[in-house]
C-alpha atoms as a PDB file:
ATOM      1  CA  MET A   1     111.738 108.550 101.884  1.00  0.00           C
ATOM      2  CA  SER A   2     108.704 110.867 101.021  1.00  0.00           C
ATOM      3  CA  SER A   3     109.628 112.518  97.890  1.00  0.00           C
ATOM      4  CA  VAL A   4     111.761 111.490  95.082  1.00  0.00           C
ATOM      5  CA  GLN A   5     113.016 112.600  91.741  1.00  0.00           C
ATOM      6  CA  LEU A   6     111.896 110.626  88.719  1.00  0.00           C
ATOM      7  CA  GLU A   7     113.249 110.456  85.405  1.00  0.00           C
ATOM      8  CA  GLY A   8     111.492 108.858  82.179  1.00  0.00           C
ATOM      9  CA  GLY A   9     108.171 106.860  82.573  1.00  0.00           C
ATOM     10  CA  PRO A  10     104.724 108.210  81.967  1.00  0.00           C
ATOM     11  CA  ASN A  11     104.059 111.919  82.263  1.00  0.00           C
ATOM     12  CA  GLY A  12     102.309 111.753  85.353  1.00  0.00           C
ATOM     13  CA  LEU A  13     105.330 110.237  87.075  1.00  0.00           C
ATOM     14  CA  CYS A  14     108.049 112.594  85.971  1.00  0.00           C
ATOM     15  CA  GLY A  15     109.979 115.079  88.087  1.00  0.00           C
ATOM     16  CA  THR A  16     109.593 115.331  91.831  1.00  0.00           C
ATOM     17  CA  VAL A  17     107.044 112.903  93.046  1.00  0.00           C
ATOM     18  CA  GLU A  18     105.425 112.732  96.725  1.00  0.00           C
ATOM     19  CA  LEU A  19     105.333 108.935  97.288  1.00  0.00           C
ATOM     20  CA  THR A  20     102.871 109.278 100.187  1.00  0.00           C
ATOM     21  CA  GLU A  21     100.497 110.625  97.658  1.00  0.00           C
ATOM     22  CA  LEU A  22     100.550 107.449  95.324  1.00  0.00           C
ATOM     23  CA  ASP A  23      98.222 104.420  95.753  1.00  0.00           C
ATOM     24  CA  GLU A  24     100.643 101.640  96.023  1.00  0.00           C
ATOM     25  CA  VAL A  25     104.532 101.982  96.169  1.00  0.00           C
ATOM     26  CA  ILE A  26     107.278  99.346  96.922  1.00  0.00           C
ATOM     27  CA  PHE A  27     110.642 100.869  97.289  1.00  0.00           C
ATOM     28  CA  SER A  28     114.355 100.181  98.515  1.00  0.00           C
ATOM     29  CA  ASP A  29     117.289 102.225  98.378  1.00  0.00           C
ATOM     30  CA  GLU A  30     117.986 100.947  94.814  1.00  0.00           C
ATOM     31  CA  LYS A  31     114.513 100.425  93.238  1.00  0.00           C
ATOM     32  CA  ILE A  32     111.113 101.865  93.194  1.00  0.00           C
ATOM     33  CA  LYS A  33     107.868  99.915  91.774  1.00  0.00           C
ATOM     34  CA  ILE A  34     104.841 102.221  91.518  1.00  0.00           C
ATOM     35  CA  ARG A  35     101.382 101.114  90.687  1.00  0.00           C
ATOM     36  CA  TYR A  36     100.134 103.299  87.824  1.00  0.00           C
ATOM     37  CA  GLY A  37      96.855 102.914  85.743  1.00  0.00           C
ATOM     38  CA  ASN A  38      96.736  98.958  84.964  1.00  0.00           C
ATOM     39  CA  GLY A  39     100.449  98.085  85.551  1.00  0.00           C
ATOM     40  CA  TYR A  40     103.667  98.847  87.796  1.00  0.00           C
ATOM     41  CA  GLU A  41     106.299 101.508  86.633  1.00  0.00           C
ATOM     42  CA  HIS A  42     109.779 100.328  87.677  1.00  0.00           C
ATOM     43  CA  TYR A  43     112.600 102.741  88.391  1.00  0.00           C
ATOM     44  CA  GLU A  44     116.148 102.135  89.514  1.00  0.00           C
ATOM     45  CA  SER A  45     118.451 104.588  91.458  1.00  0.00           C
ATOM     46  CA  SER A  46     120.991 106.717  89.651  1.00  0.00           C
ATOM     47  CA  ARG A  47     123.582 108.780  91.636  1.00  0.00           C
ATOM     48  CA  ILE A  48     124.470 111.739  89.844  1.00  0.00           C
ATOM     49  CA  PRO A  49     127.422 114.003  91.085  1.00  0.00           C
ATOM     50  CA  LEU A  50     126.429 117.462  91.880  1.00  0.00           C
ATOM     51  CA  PRO A  51     128.391 120.157  90.025  1.00  0.00           C
ATOM     52  CA  GLY A  52     131.356 121.628  91.811  1.00  0.00           C
ATOM     53  CA  THR A  53     131.606 118.869  94.252  1.00  0.00           C
ATOM     54  CA  ASN A  54     134.273 115.991  94.755  1.00  0.00           C
ATOM     55  CA  GLY A  55     131.839 113.125  94.039  1.00  0.00           C
ATOM     56  CA  ASP A  56     131.403 111.742  97.741  1.00  0.00           C
ATOM     57  CA  ALA A  57     128.003 110.395  98.905  1.00  0.00           C
ATOM     58  CA  GLU A  58     126.763 113.625 100.463  1.00  0.00           C
ATOM     59  CA  SER A  59     127.550 115.560  97.096  1.00  0.00           C
ATOM     60  CA  GLU A  60     125.222 113.218  94.875  1.00  0.00           C
ATOM     61  CA  LEU A  61     121.725 113.580  93.857  1.00  0.00           C
ATOM     62  CA  VAL A  62     119.748 110.463  94.192  1.00  0.00           C
ATOM     63  CA  THR A  63     117.259 110.109  91.351  1.00  0.00           C
ATOM     64  CA  PHE A  64     115.312 107.198  90.019  1.00  0.00           C
ATOM     65  CA  ARG A  65     115.240 106.242  86.320  1.00  0.00           C
ATOM     66  CA  TRP A  66     112.497 104.406  84.536  1.00  0.00           C
ATOM     67  CA  VAL A  67     113.479 100.872  83.548  1.00  0.00           C
ATOM     68  CA  GLY A  68     110.161  99.591  82.385  1.00  0.00           C
ATOM     69  CA  ARG A  69     106.614  98.568  82.948  1.00  0.00           C
ATOM     70  CA  THR A  70     104.918  95.398  83.819  1.00  0.00           C
ATOM     71  CA  LYS A  71     101.115  94.803  83.623  1.00  0.00           C
ATOM     72  CA  ILE A  72      98.917  93.557  86.467  1.00  0.00           C
ATOM     73  CA  ALA A  73      97.727  89.941  86.169  1.00  0.00           C
ATOM     74  CA  GLU A  74      94.063  89.734  85.742  1.00  0.00           C
END
């Protein structure tokens, strides 16, 4: 997974983002944690059926929605 679609969160992390261009990223199929500024932005996957499809796995767009932010401990 090199690029993903992000919804919500800081302006610099919205839309299609290239994960390889970011400093620190931890991800799985369900969650992404991105170091941004003095914290981490947390995203969870959200499968959205594409228009005009029957809703099977191949016809879903996987996006990640922002769910919160945590600060880095000093």
